[in-house]
C-alpha atoms as a PDB file:
ATOM      1  CA  UNK A   1     -14.839  11.948  -0.925  1.00  0.00           C
ATOM      2  CA  UNK A   2     -13.432  12.751   2.521  1.00  0.00           C
ATOM      3  CA  UNK A   3     -12.341  10.410   5.262  1.00  0.00           C
ATOM      4  CA  UNK A   4     -15.073   9.078   7.504  1.00  0.00           C
ATOM      5  CA  UNK A   5     -14.481   7.982  11.106  1.00  0.00           C
ATOM      6  CA  UNK A   6     -10.729   7.836  10.443  1.00  0.00           C
ATOM      7  CA  UNK A   7     -11.229   5.731   7.327  1.00  0.00           C
ATOM      8  CA  UNK A   8      -9.819   6.900   4.026  1.00  0.00           C
ATOM      9  CA  UNK A   9     -12.261   6.788   1.116  1.00  0.00           C
ATOM     10  CA  UNK A  10     -12.288   8.036  -2.457  1.00  0.00           C
ATOM     11  CA  UNK A  11     -11.271   7.150  -6.003  1.00  0.00           C
ATOM     12  CA  UNK A  12      -9.327   9.593  -8.196  1.00  0.00           C
ATOM     13  CA  UNK A  13      -7.527   9.436 -11.523  1.00  0.00           C
ATOM     14  CA  UNK A  14      -4.174  11.209 -11.512  1.00  0.00           C
ATOM     15  CA  UNK A  15      -1.387  11.397 -14.095  1.00  0.00           C
ATOM     16  CA  UNK A  16       2.093  10.143 -13.289  1.00  0.00           C
ATOM     17  CA  UNK A  17       4.376  12.929 -14.551  1.00  0.00           C
ATOM     18  CA  UNK A  18       7.547  12.468 -16.616  1.00  0.00           C
ATOM     19  CA  UNK A  19       9.644  12.212 -13.413  1.00  0.00           C
ATOM     20  CA  UNK A  20       7.375   9.549 -11.892  1.00  0.00           C
ATOM     21  CA  UNK A  21       5.739  11.966  -9.465  1.00  0.00           C
ATOM     22  CA  UNK A  22       2.103  11.558  -8.556  1.00  0.00           C
ATOM     23  CA  UNK A  23      -0.072  14.260  -6.999  1.00  0.00           C
ATOM     24  CA  UNK A  24      -2.129  12.655  -4.263  1.00  0.00           C
ATOM     25  CA  UNK A  25      -5.525  14.376  -3.775  1.00  0.00           C
ATOM     26  CA  UNK A  26      -5.322  16.739  -0.799  1.00  0.00           C
ATOM     27  CA  UNK A  27      -8.267  15.200   1.067  1.00  0.00           C
ATOM     28  CA  UNK A  28      -6.535  11.819   0.972  1.00  0.00           C
ATOM     29  CA  UNK A  29      -3.228  13.353   2.092  1.00  0.00           C
ATOM     30  CA  UNK A  30      -5.020  15.064   4.982  1.00  0.00           C
ATOM     31  CA  UNK A  31      -6.707  11.820   6.038  1.00  0.00           C
ATOM     32  CA  UNK A  32      -3.474   9.834   5.815  1.00  0.00           C
ATOM     33  CA  UNK A  33      -1.343  12.465   7.576  1.00  0.00           C
ATOM     34  CA  UNK A  34      -3.580  12.668  10.674  1.00  0.00           C
ATOM     35  CA  UNK A  35      -1.252  10.338  12.579  1.00  0.00           C
ATOM     36  CA  UNK A  36       2.083  10.946  10.836  1.00  0.00           C
ATOM     37  CA  UNK A  37       4.011  13.066   8.384  1.00  0.00           C
ATOM     38  CA  UNK A  38       6.260  10.114   7.507  1.00  0.00           C
ATOM     39  CA  UNK A  39       5.095   7.441   5.102  1.00  0.00           C
ATOM     40  CA  UNK A  40       5.946   3.992   3.766  1.00  0.00           C
ATOM     41  CA  UNK A  41       5.281   2.885   0.196  1.00  0.00           C
ATOM     42  CA  UNK A  42       4.464  -0.816  -0.088  1.00  0.00           C
ATOM     43  CA  UNK A  43       4.242  -3.266  -2.994  1.00  0.00           C
ATOM     44  CA  UNK A  44       0.807  -4.872  -2.542  1.00  0.00           C
ATOM     45  CA  UNK A  45       0.085  -6.881  -5.681  1.00  0.00           C
ATOM     46  CA  UNK A  46       1.101  -6.556  -9.338  1.00  0.00           C
ATOM     47  CA  UNK A  47      -0.031  -3.129 -10.482  1.00  0.00           C
ATOM     48  CA  UNK A  48      -0.754  -1.813  -6.976  1.00  0.00           C
ATOM     49  CA  UNK A  49       1.233   0.141  -4.401  1.00  0.00           C
ATOM     50  CA  UNK A  50      -0.051   1.292  -1.026  1.00  0.00           C
ATOM     51  CA  UNK A  51       0.925   4.302   1.054  1.00  0.00           C
ATOM     52  CA  UNK A  52       0.799   3.989   4.857  1.00  0.00           C
ATOM     53  CA  UNK A  53       1.618   6.241   7.797  1.00  0.00           C
ATOM     54  CA  UNK A  54       5.107   5.060   8.804  1.00  0.00           C
ATOM     55  CA  UNK A  55       4.339   4.524  12.493  1.00  0.00           C
ATOM     56  CA  UNK A  56       1.333   2.283  11.828  1.00  0.00           C
ATOM     57  CA  UNK A  57       3.200   0.271   9.205  1.00  0.00           C
ATOM     58  CA  UNK A  58       6.214  -0.178  11.486  1.00  0.00           C
ATOM     59  CA  UNK A  59       4.038  -1.429  14.363  1.00  0.00           C
ATOM     60  CA  UNK A  60       2.485  -4.095  12.130  1.00  0.00           C
ATOM     61  CA  UNK A  61       5.857  -5.048  10.670  1.00  0.00           C
ATOM     62  CA  UNK A  62       7.536  -5.298  14.084  1.00  0.00           C
ATOM     63  CA  UNK A  63       4.720  -7.457  15.476  1.00  0.00           C
ATOM     64  CA  UNK A  64       4.828  -9.845  12.517  1.00  0.00           C
ATOM     65  CA  UNK A  65       8.635 -10.106  12.562  1.00  0.00           C
ATOM     66  CA  UNK A  66       8.584 -10.790  16.307  1.00  0.00           C
ATOM     67  CA  UNK A  67       6.216 -13.731  15.768  1.00  0.00           C
ATOM     68  CA  UNK A  68       8.600 -15.195  13.181  1.00  0.00           C
ATOM     69  CA  UNK A  69      11.617 -14.629  15.468  1.00  0.00           C
ATOM     70  CA  UNK A  70       9.821 -16.367  18.340  1.00  0.00           C
ATOM     71  CA  UNK A  71       9.103 -19.362  16.103  1.00  0.00           C
ATOM     72  CA  UNK A  72      12.763 -19.472  15.056  1.00  0.00           C
ATOM     73  CA  UNK A  73      13.920 -19.346  18.697  1.00  0.00           C
ATOM     74  CA  UNK A  74      11.519 -22.137  19.609  1.00  0.00           C
ATOM     75  CA  UNK A  75      12.755 -24.317  16.731  1.00  0.00           C
ATOM     76  CA  UNK A  76       9.363 -24.403  14.981  1.00  0.00           C
ATOM     77  CA  UNK A  77      10.898 -23.165  11.729  1.00  0.00           C
ATOM     78  CA  UNK A  78      14.084 -25.257  11.719  1.00  0.00           C
ATOM     79  CA  UNK A  79      12.868 -27.299   8.748  1.00  0.00           C
ATOM     80  CA  UNK A  80      11.642 -24.191   6.918  1.00  0.00           C
ATOM     81  CA  UNK A  81      14.710 -21.959   6.721  1.00  0.00           C
ATOM     82  CA  UNK A  82      14.199 -21.585   2.964  1.00  0.00           C
ATOM     83  CA  UNK A  83      10.760 -20.141   3.669  1.00  0.00           C
ATOM     84  CA  UNK A  84      12.277 -17.788   6.239  1.00  0.00           C
ATOM     85  CA  UNK A  85      14.823 -16.639   3.641  1.00  0.00           C
ATOM     86  CA  UNK A  86      12.055 -16.078   1.074  1.00  0.00           C
ATOM     87  CA  UNK A  87      10.103 -14.064   3.613  1.00  0.00           C
ATOM     88  CA  UNK A  88      13.209 -12.034   4.429  1.00  0.00           C
ATOM     89  CA  UNK A  89      13.805 -11.256   0.752  1.00  0.00           C
ATOM     90  CA  UNK A  90      10.219 -10.127   0.294  1.00  0.00           C
ATOM     91  CA  UNK A  91      10.326  -8.008   3.431  1.00  0.00           C
ATOM     92  CA  UNK A  92      13.583  -6.433   2.250  1.00  0.00           C
ATOM     93  CA  UNK A  93      12.144  -5.322  -1.093  1.00  0.00           C
ATOM     94  CA  UNK A  94       8.455  -4.830  -0.337  1.00  0.00           C
ATOM     95  CA  UNK A  95       8.473  -1.434   1.364  1.00  0.00           C
ATOM     96  CA  UNK A  96      10.374   1.836   1.372  1.00  0.00           C
ATOM     97  CA  UNK A  97      10.127   5.028   3.450  1.00  0.00           C
ATOM     98  CA  UNK A  98       8.986   7.962   1.300  1.00  0.00           C
ATOM     99  CA  UNK A  99       8.210  11.640   1.706  1.00  0.00           C
ATOM    100  CA  UNK A 100       5.373  13.661   0.276  1.00  0.00           C
ATOM    101  CA  UNK A 101       6.607  16.889  -1.312  1.00  0.00           C
ATOM    102  CA  UNK A 102       4.576  20.065  -1.618  1.00  0.00           C
ATOM    103  CA  UNK A 103       1.005  19.697  -2.856  1.00  0.00           C
ATOM    104  CA  UNK A 104       1.001  16.024  -1.894  1.00  0.00           C
ATOM    105  CA  UNK A 105       3.442  14.922  -4.579  1.00  0.00           C
ATOM    106  CA  UNK A 106       4.835  11.426  -4.213  1.00  0.00           C
ATOM    107  CA  UNK A 107       7.924  10.327  -6.128  1.00  0.00           C
ATOM    108  CA  UNK A 108       7.506   6.665  -7.078  1.00  0.00           C
ATOM    109  CA  UNK A 109      10.968   5.121  -6.474  1.00  0.00           C
ATOM    110  CA  UNK A 110      12.771   2.804  -8.871  1.00  0.00           C
ATOM    111  CA  UNK A 111      11.755  -0.791  -8.320  1.00  0.00           C
ATOM    112  CA  UNK A 112       8.275   0.399  -7.385  1.00  0.00           C
ATOM    113  CA  UNK A 113       7.730   1.994 -10.810  1.00  0.00           C
ATOM    114  CA  UNK A 114       8.222  -1.323 -12.541  1.00  0.00           C
ATOM    115  CA  UNK A 115       5.933  -3.060 -10.091  1.00  0.00           C
ATOM    116  CA  UNK A 116       3.175  -0.484 -10.669  1.00  0.00           C
ATOM    117  CA  UNK A 117       3.577  -0.943 -14.438  1.00  0.00           C
ATOM    118  CA  UNK A 118       2.461   2.606 -15.325  1.00  0.00           C
ATOM    119  CA  UNK A 119       4.699   4.526 -17.720  1.00  0.00           C
ATOM    120  CA  UNK A 120       5.505   8.182 -17.096  1.00  0.00           C
ATOM    121  CA  UNK A 121       2.812  10.443 -18.524  1.00  0.00           C
ATOM    122  CA  UNK A 122       0.054   7.867 -17.970  1.00  0.00           C
ATOM    123  CA  UNK A 123      -2.837   7.740 -15.559  1.00  0.00           C
ATOM    124  CA  UNK A 124      -3.001   5.974 -12.192  1.00  0.00           C
ATOM    125  CA  UNK A 125      -6.018   5.394  -9.996  1.00  0.00           C
ATOM    126  CA  UNK A 126      -5.600   6.599  -6.398  1.00  0.00           C
ATOM    127  CA  UNK A 127      -7.984   4.849  -4.017  1.00  0.00           C
ATOM    128  CA  UNK A 128      -8.717   5.293  -0.334  1.00  0.00           C
ATOM    129  CA  UNK A 129      -8.576   1.778   1.124  1.00  0.00           C
ATOM    130  CA  UNK A 130      -9.909   2.605   4.608  1.00  0.00           C
ATOM    131  CA  UNK A 131      -6.554   2.331   6.431  1.00  0.00           C
ATOM    132  CA  UNK A 132      -4.154   3.364   3.653  1.00  0.00           C
ATOM    133  CA  UNK A 133      -4.049   4.791   0.133  1.00  0.00           C
ATOM    134  CA  UNK A 134      -3.600   2.575  -2.885  1.00  0.00           C
ATOM    135  CA  UNK A 135      -2.112   3.547  -6.222  1.00  0.00           C
ATOM    136  CA  UNK A 136      -3.263   1.314  -9.059  1.00  0.00           C
ATOM    137  CA  UNK A 137      -2.426   0.632 -12.653  1.00  0.00           C
ATOM    138  CA  UNK A 138      -5.862   1.310 -14.235  1.00  0.00           C
ATOM    139  CA  UNK A 139      -6.093  -2.116 -15.905  1.00  0.00           C
ATOM    140  CA  UNK A 140      -5.170  -3.884 -12.653  1.00  0.00           C
ATOM    141  CA  UNK A 141      -7.745  -1.769 -10.778  1.00  0.00           C
ATOM    142  CA  UNK A 142     -10.504  -2.715 -13.240  1.00  0.00           C
ATOM    143  CA  UNK A 143      -9.585  -6.394 -12.965  1.00  0.00           C
ATOM    144  CA  UNK A 144      -9.544  -6.156  -9.172  1.00  0.00           C
ATOM    145  CA  UNK A 145     -12.960  -4.499  -9.098  1.00  0.00           C
ATOM    146  CA  UNK A 146     -14.414  -7.043 -11.498  1.00  0.00           C
ATOM    147  CA  UNK A 147     -13.220  -9.887  -9.289  1.00  0.00           C
ATOM    148  CA  UNK A 148     -14.182  -8.285  -5.952  1.00  0.00           C
ATOM    149  CA  UNK A 149     -17.468  -6.453  -6.553  1.00  0.00           C
ATOM    150  CA  UNK A 150     -19.600  -9.608  -6.854  1.00  0.00           C
ATOM    151  CA  UNK A 151     -18.649 -10.564  -3.271  1.00  0.00           C
ATOM    152  CA  UNK A 152     -18.893  -7.031  -1.831  1.00  0.00           C
ATOM    153  CA  UNK A 153     -22.027  -7.628   0.242  1.00  0.00           C
ATOM    154  CA  UNK A 154     -20.652 -10.846   1.715  1.00  0.00           C
ATOM    155  CA  UNK A 155     -17.364  -9.140   2.631  1.00  0.00           C
ATOM    156  CA  UNK A 156     -19.193  -6.165   4.120  1.00  0.00           C
ATOM    157  CA  UNK A 157     -21.394  -8.463   6.232  1.00  0.00           C
ATOM    158  CA  UNK A 158     -18.340 -10.446   7.434  1.00  0.00           C
ATOM    159  CA  UNK A 159     -16.318  -7.375   8.387  1.00  0.00           C
ATOM    160  CA  UNK A 160     -19.147  -5.219   9.747  1.00  0.00           C
ATOM    161  CA  UNK A 161     -21.324  -7.952  11.234  1.00  0.00           C
END
């Protein structure tokens, strides 16, 4: 399925090769690369990675970090420095700049492979998630769908209404 109104849609099964490379479907690459040829791979939840255009990801990251810095400067987080450290650790390990090689091949870096929990030679599910791509461990994807589909209409009404 192609992108619609700058949203990225579609669900595809792809095999992670023996070098941990994944071929992203061309229509999803085209939709994602409209704004950038640089990308960021992000740990979303256990068994799921997301791929974002680097510029869009960096804008969101910079805005969020600036809010935290402002709270630190104002003293609002003085009693929560441990939380700030935890956030810093997660931000340090949560994302990584990546490149797409020819034919939309993405090399899943070390540290992200373990998080995805898909061995080389096994299938992944590549999903268009409107504003990014997601790469799922098939079991995690099924569990996610099972938990989210019953509330689909309510979510759709909240977001679209």
